[in-house]
Amino acid sequence: MADTATAARPQPTTDLDKALADLNVHGACIIENALEVAKLAEVRTALYRAAEADRTYGWAQQYQYGGDDHVNQRVWNLPSRDPVFCDLVEHPVAMHFVKQVLGWPALLSSMSANITAGGGQSMILHADQGYMPPPWSRPLGVNVAWCVDDFTAENGATCYIAGSNHWDGQGQGQDLGDKLVPLEAPAGSAIVMEGRLLHTNGVNRNGVQRAGIFSWYTLPIYLPQENWFLSLNPAVRQFGSETLQTLFGFRPQVMGRINGLDRI
């Protein structure tokens, strides 16, 4: 498991070419100011409103991949919760990296938020495409994470092993905590992680609430994590753009056709 990344961590940038170069070397990159101030405020309000509704109606879920956590709250199926999340699904920054890493068409596999306010524990060390069969000669998915709040080492920012995207899947589930570094970024940033990168959530040690939205896109040959055909708000199906229809699987171009047609 040779470390092919340089010692330097990817720094926040607005240069998408520089960010793509960081992604190829480190497995992650940070695009600062990806969301305008007004859009960030809209996203933040919608997310915390959805999280509060889940708690009020007993729908709240604590999801910790590979662990038992009763602190972090996961909010699933965000595109059905508020139209602003559909804006994030097809945001130009997200689409730039989806097309650069995966090509087109692609699928949105899931879009959920993780909110932590203190305590909790880390997930197992994993790669997002870990459920996809090896060998991993290329990224099979890309995760675009939106920083709703500041991501800091103290409040549980996502931690990763730089260059582990070149390890061909080795290291999952192992204790490699000494190699983990936090992906620190200001609110409004987009953190892009390619599917082979080893990472986990950090532990919130200062009790400052931190929310991130994770949009996992894959090649169109893989079954999405979220069953959009059952769970998606019909309004999105009726009024969504062609890009959204493709990402949700309603514009199949090779597989998934109905009587040979590419319109469902």
Protein backbone atom coordinates (compact mmCIF):
# COMPACT_ATOMS: atom_id res chain seq x y z
CA MET A 1 0.00 0.00 0.00
CA ALA A 2 2.50 2.59 -1.15
CA ASP A 3 1.51 6.19 -0.48
CA THR A 4 1.60 7.91 -3.85
CA ALA A 5 0.34 11.27 -2.55
CA THR A 6 2.65 14.14 -1.75
CA ALA A 7 2.98 15.32 1.83
CA ALA A 8 0.89 18.41 1.13
CA ARG A 9 -2.85 18.21 1.71
CA PRO A 10 -5.27 19.58 -0.90
CA GLN A 11 -6.05 23.18 -0.05
CA PRO A 12 -9.36 24.96 -0.72
CA THR A 13 -9.37 26.46 -4.21
CA THR A 14 -11.73 28.00 -6.72
CA ASP A 15 -9.68 26.67 -9.67
CA LEU A 16 -11.51 23.57 -10.91
CA ASP A 17 -8.47 22.37 -12.87
CA LYS A 18 -6.33 22.57 -9.74
CA ALA A 19 -9.06 20.79 -7.78
CA LEU A 20 -9.21 17.99 -10.37
CA ALA A 21 -5.44 17.57 -10.15
CA ASP A 22 -5.74 17.33 -6.35
CA LEU A 23 -8.47 14.74 -6.75
CA ASN A 24 -6.33 12.59 -9.00
CA VAL A 25 -3.33 12.69 -6.64
CA HIS A 26 -4.89 12.74 -3.18
CA GLY A 27 -8.31 11.22 -3.87
CA ALA A 28 -10.03 14.37 -2.58
CA CYS A 29 -10.23 18.07 -3.33
CA ILE A 30 -11.90 21.13 -1.83
CA ILE A 31 -13.71 23.81 -3.85
CA GLU A 32 -14.33 26.85 -1.67
CA ASN A 33 -17.24 29.25 -2.19
CA ALA A 34 -19.00 26.64 -4.32
CA LEU A 35 -22.30 27.87 -2.87
CA GLU A 36 -23.24 31.52 -2.84
CA VAL A 37 -24.13 32.97 0.55
CA ALA A 38 -27.87 33.10 -0.15
CA LYS A 39 -27.97 29.54 -1.53
CA LEU A 40 -25.99 28.23 1.45
CA ALA A 41 -28.49 29.87 3.82
CA GLU A 42 -31.38 28.30 1.91
CA VAL A 43 -29.77 24.86 2.02
CA ARG A 44 -28.94 25.15 5.70
CA THR A 45 -32.48 26.23 6.64
CA ALA A 46 -34.04 23.41 4.60
CA LEU A 47 -31.72 20.77 6.05
CA TYR A 48 -32.16 21.67 9.69
CA ARG A 49 -35.91 21.98 9.13
CA ALA A 50 -36.00 18.45 7.69
CA ALA A 51 -33.88 17.11 10.55
CA GLU A 52 -36.18 18.71 13.13
CA ALA A 53 -39.25 17.28 11.38
CA ASP A 54 -37.73 13.80 11.48
CA ARG A 55 -37.11 14.11 15.20
CA THR A 56 -40.59 15.50 15.84
CA TYR A 57 -42.38 12.71 13.98
CA GLY A 58 -40.13 9.89 15.13
CA TRP A 59 -38.50 9.40 11.74
CA ALA A 60 -34.97 10.33 12.82
CA GLN A 61 -32.27 7.78 12.04
CA GLN A 62 -28.85 7.29 13.49
CA TYR A 63 -26.73 5.63 10.83
CA GLN A 64 -23.14 4.68 11.45
CA TYR A 65 -21.60 2.42 8.83
CA GLY A 66 -19.83 -0.34 10.69
CA GLY A 67 -20.69 0.96 14.16
CA ASP A 68 -23.42 1.74 16.66
CA ASP A 69 -23.91 5.46 17.06
CA HIS A 70 -26.76 7.24 18.82
CA VAL A 71 -25.52 10.79 18.38
CA ASN A 72 -25.14 11.53 14.68
CA GLN A 73 -28.43 12.04 12.83
CA ARG A 74 -28.76 10.94 9.22
CA VAL A 75 -31.36 12.59 6.97
CA TRP A 76 -32.09 10.46 3.91
CA ASN A 77 -33.67 11.10 0.51
CA LEU A 78 -32.95 14.83 0.51
CA PRO A 79 -34.18 15.45 -3.07
CA SER A 80 -37.70 14.64 -1.83
CA ARG A 81 -37.45 16.94 1.18
CA ASP A 82 -37.04 20.34 -0.51
CA PRO A 83 -36.44 21.54 -4.11
CA VAL A 84 -33.20 23.26 -3.05
CA PHE A 85 -31.56 19.85 -2.70
CA CYS A 86 -32.35 19.09 -6.34
CA ASP A 87 -30.39 22.25 -7.16
CA LEU A 88 -27.41 20.66 -5.42
CA VAL A 89 -27.87 17.36 -7.28
CA GLU A 90 -27.29 19.09 -10.64
CA HIS A 91 -25.11 21.96 -9.38
CA PRO A 92 -22.50 22.93 -12.02
CA VAL A 93 -19.62 22.10 -9.67
CA ALA A 94 -21.02 18.66 -8.95
CA MET A 95 -21.73 17.99 -12.62
CA HIS A 96 -18.21 19.09 -13.58
CA PHE A 97 -16.61 16.43 -11.40
CA VAL A 98 -19.19 13.75 -12.17
CA LYS A 99 -18.51 14.13 -15.88
CA GLN A 100 -14.74 14.43 -15.46
CA VAL A 101 -14.47 11.36 -13.20
CA LEU A 102 -17.29 9.11 -14.41
CA GLY A 103 -18.39 10.43 -17.79
CA TRP A 104 -22.02 10.68 -18.83
CA PRO A 105 -24.64 9.38 -18.22
CA ALA A 106 -24.27 8.75 -14.50
CA LEU A 107 -26.65 7.98 -11.65
CA LEU A 108 -27.23 9.66 -8.31
CA SER A 109 -26.97 6.69 -5.98
CA SER A 110 -28.02 8.52 -2.82
CA MET A 111 -28.13 11.96 -1.24
CA SER A 112 -28.21 12.22 2.54
CA ALA A 113 -26.97 14.46 5.31
CA ASN A 114 -24.97 13.66 8.41
CA ILE A 115 -25.46 15.97 11.40
CA THR A 116 -23.42 15.72 14.57
CA ALA A 117 -23.52 17.90 17.67
CA GLY A 118 -20.94 16.24 19.89
CA GLY A 119 -19.64 12.85 20.86
CA GLY A 120 -20.38 9.84 18.71
CA GLN A 121 -17.83 7.66 17.04
CA SER A 122 -16.20 7.14 13.68
CA MET A 123 -17.43 4.74 11.04
CA ILE A 124 -15.17 1.94 9.92
CA LEU A 125 -12.50 3.03 7.50
CA HIS A 126 -14.03 2.48 4.08
CA ALA A 127 -14.14 3.42 0.43
CA ASP A 128 -17.53 4.45 -0.92
CA GLN A 129 -17.26 1.98 -3.81
CA GLY A 130 -16.29 -0.81 -1.43
CA TYR A 131 -19.44 -2.78 -2.31
CA MET A 132 -18.50 -2.78 -5.99
CA PRO A 133 -16.50 -5.75 -7.32
CA PRO A 134 -12.72 -5.32 -7.77
CA PRO A 135 -10.34 -4.78 -9.40
CA TRP A 136 -10.65 -1.03 -9.17
CA SER A 137 -8.71 0.18 -12.14
CA ARG A 138 -10.68 3.43 -12.03
CA PRO A 139 -13.17 5.32 -9.85
CA LEU A 140 -16.61 3.75 -10.13
CA GLY A 141 -18.25 6.58 -8.20
CA VAL A 142 -17.63 10.07 -6.89
CA ASN A 143 -18.93 11.65 -3.68
CA VAL A 144 -19.68 15.38 -3.66
CA ALA A 145 -20.00 16.58 -0.07
CA TRP A 146 -21.49 19.98 0.64
CA CYS A 147 -20.28 21.73 3.79
CA VAL A 148 -23.44 23.16 5.32
CA ASP A 149 -21.37 24.26 8.30
CA ASP A 150 -17.63 24.70 8.72
CA PHE A 151 -15.78 21.37 8.67
CA THR A 152 -13.05 21.40 11.33
CA ALA A 153 -10.93 18.80 13.06
CA GLU A 154 -12.71 19.65 16.31
CA ASN A 155 -16.31 19.27 15.09
CA GLY A 156 -15.91 15.97 13.26
CA ALA A 157 -14.81 16.82 9.72
CA THR A 158 -14.50 13.88 7.34
CA CYS A 159 -11.06 12.28 7.69
CA TYR A 160 -9.21 10.51 4.88
CA ILE A 161 -5.95 8.87 3.92
CA ALA A 162 -4.34 10.92 1.17
CA GLY A 163 -3.39 8.81 -1.83
CA SER A 164 -5.34 5.74 -0.70
CA ASN A 165 -7.31 6.00 -3.94
CA HIS A 166 -4.24 4.33 -5.47
CA TRP A 167 -4.30 1.34 -3.09
CA ASP A 168 -6.76 -0.71 -5.16
CA GLY A 169 -9.14 -1.27 -2.25
CA GLN A 170 -6.60 -2.35 0.36
CA GLY A 171 -6.94 -1.06 3.91
CA GLN A 172 -10.72 -1.11 4.36
CA GLY A 173 -11.74 -1.86 7.94
CA GLN A 174 -8.15 -1.69 9.18
CA ASP A 175 -6.86 0.47 12.01
CA LEU A 176 -4.96 3.13 10.10
CA GLY A 177 -5.89 6.05 12.32
CA ASP A 178 -2.33 7.36 12.37
CA LYS A 179 -2.62 8.10 8.65
CA LEU A 180 -5.97 9.91 8.82
CA VAL A 181 -6.13 13.67 8.28
CA PRO A 182 -9.23 15.88 8.43
CA LEU A 183 -10.72 17.54 5.36
CA GLU A 184 -11.17 21.00 6.84
CA ALA A 185 -13.21 23.45 4.79
CA PRO A 186 -15.42 26.49 5.38
CA ALA A 187 -19.20 26.36 5.05
CA GLY A 188 -20.29 26.66 1.43
CA SER A 189 -17.42 24.52 0.17
CA ALA A 190 -17.76 21.35 -1.86
CA ILE A 191 -15.50 18.44 -0.93
CA VAL A 192 -15.12 15.92 -3.75
CA MET A 193 -13.91 12.39 -2.97
CA GLU A 194 -13.42 9.73 -5.59
CA GLY A 195 -14.92 6.32 -4.86
CA ARG A 196 -11.67 4.48 -4.04
CA LEU A 197 -10.61 6.88 -1.27
CA LEU A 198 -10.35 5.48 2.27
CA HIS A 199 -12.13 7.78 4.70
CA THR A 200 -14.40 8.00 7.73
CA ASN A 201 -16.20 10.65 9.72
CA GLY A 202 -14.32 12.44 12.45
CA VAL A 203 -15.50 12.57 16.06
CA ASN A 204 -17.15 15.80 17.16
CA ARG A 205 -15.12 16.85 20.21
CA ASN A 206 -16.26 20.42 20.78
CA GLY A 207 -20.06 20.02 20.62
CA VAL A 208 -20.44 22.56 17.80
CA GLN A 209 -23.14 21.33 15.44
CA ARG A 210 -21.82 20.29 12.04
CA ALA A 211 -23.83 19.19 9.02
CA GLY A 212 -22.69 17.88 5.67
CA ILE A 213 -24.66 16.70 2.65
CA PHE A 214 -23.22 13.73 0.77
CA SER A 215 -24.18 13.14 -2.86
CA TRP A 216 -22.90 9.78 -4.11
CA TYR A 217 -22.84 9.42 -7.92
CA THR A 218 -21.97 6.18 -9.74
CA LEU A 219 -21.61 4.69 -13.16
CA PRO A 220 -25.07 3.83 -14.54
CA ILE A 221 -24.46 0.06 -14.33
CA TYR A 222 -24.85 0.02 -10.53
CA LEU A 223 -28.08 -0.20 -8.56
CA PRO A 224 -28.56 3.05 -6.60
CA GLN A 225 -28.44 2.93 -2.80
CA GLU A 226 -31.73 4.86 -2.70
CA ASN A 227 -34.65 3.29 -4.59
CA TRP A 228 -35.76 6.45 -6.37
CA PHE A 229 -38.59 4.64 -8.17
CA LEU A 230 -40.30 4.15 -4.81
CA SER A 231 -39.05 7.01 -2.64
CA LEU A 232 -38.72 10.05 -4.89
CA ASN A 233 -41.26 12.84 -4.52
CA PRO A 234 -43.50 12.67 -7.65
CA ALA A 235 -43.07 16.42 -8.12
CA VAL A 236 -39.39 15.88 -8.88
CA ARG A 237 -40.36 13.25 -11.43
CA GLN A 238 -42.87 15.64 -13.03
CA PHE A 239 -40.90 18.87 -13.06
CA GLY A 240 -37.22 17.85 -12.89
CA SER A 241 -34.82 18.77 -15.67
CA GLU A 242 -33.47 16.26 -18.17
CA THR A 243 -30.27 16.15 -16.14
CA LEU A 244 -32.20 15.22 -13.01
CA GLN A 245 -34.26 12.64 -14.90
CA THR A 246 -31.03 11.00 -16.07
CA LEU A 247 -29.41 11.05 -12.63
CA PHE A 248 -32.48 9.48 -11.01
CA GLY A 249 -32.61 6.73 -13.63
CA PHE A 250 -35.68 7.86 -15.56
CA ARG A 251 -33.74 8.29 -18.82
CA PRO A 252 -32.06 4.89 -19.29
CA GLN A 253 -29.73 4.93 -22.27
CA VAL A 254 -28.60 1.30 -22.37
CA MET A 255 -29.98 -0.78 -19.48
CA GLY A 256 -33.31 -0.35 -17.71
CA ARG A 257 -35.38 0.38 -20.79
CA ILE A 258 -39.12 -0.24 -21.02
CA ASN A 259 -40.12 -2.03 -24.22
CA GLY A 260 -36.92 -0.76 -25.76
CA LEU A 261 -37.67 2.91 -24.99
CA ASP A 262 -35.44 5.31 -23.07
CA ARG A 263 -38.36 7.16 -21.46
CA ILE A 264 -40.04 5.81 -18.34
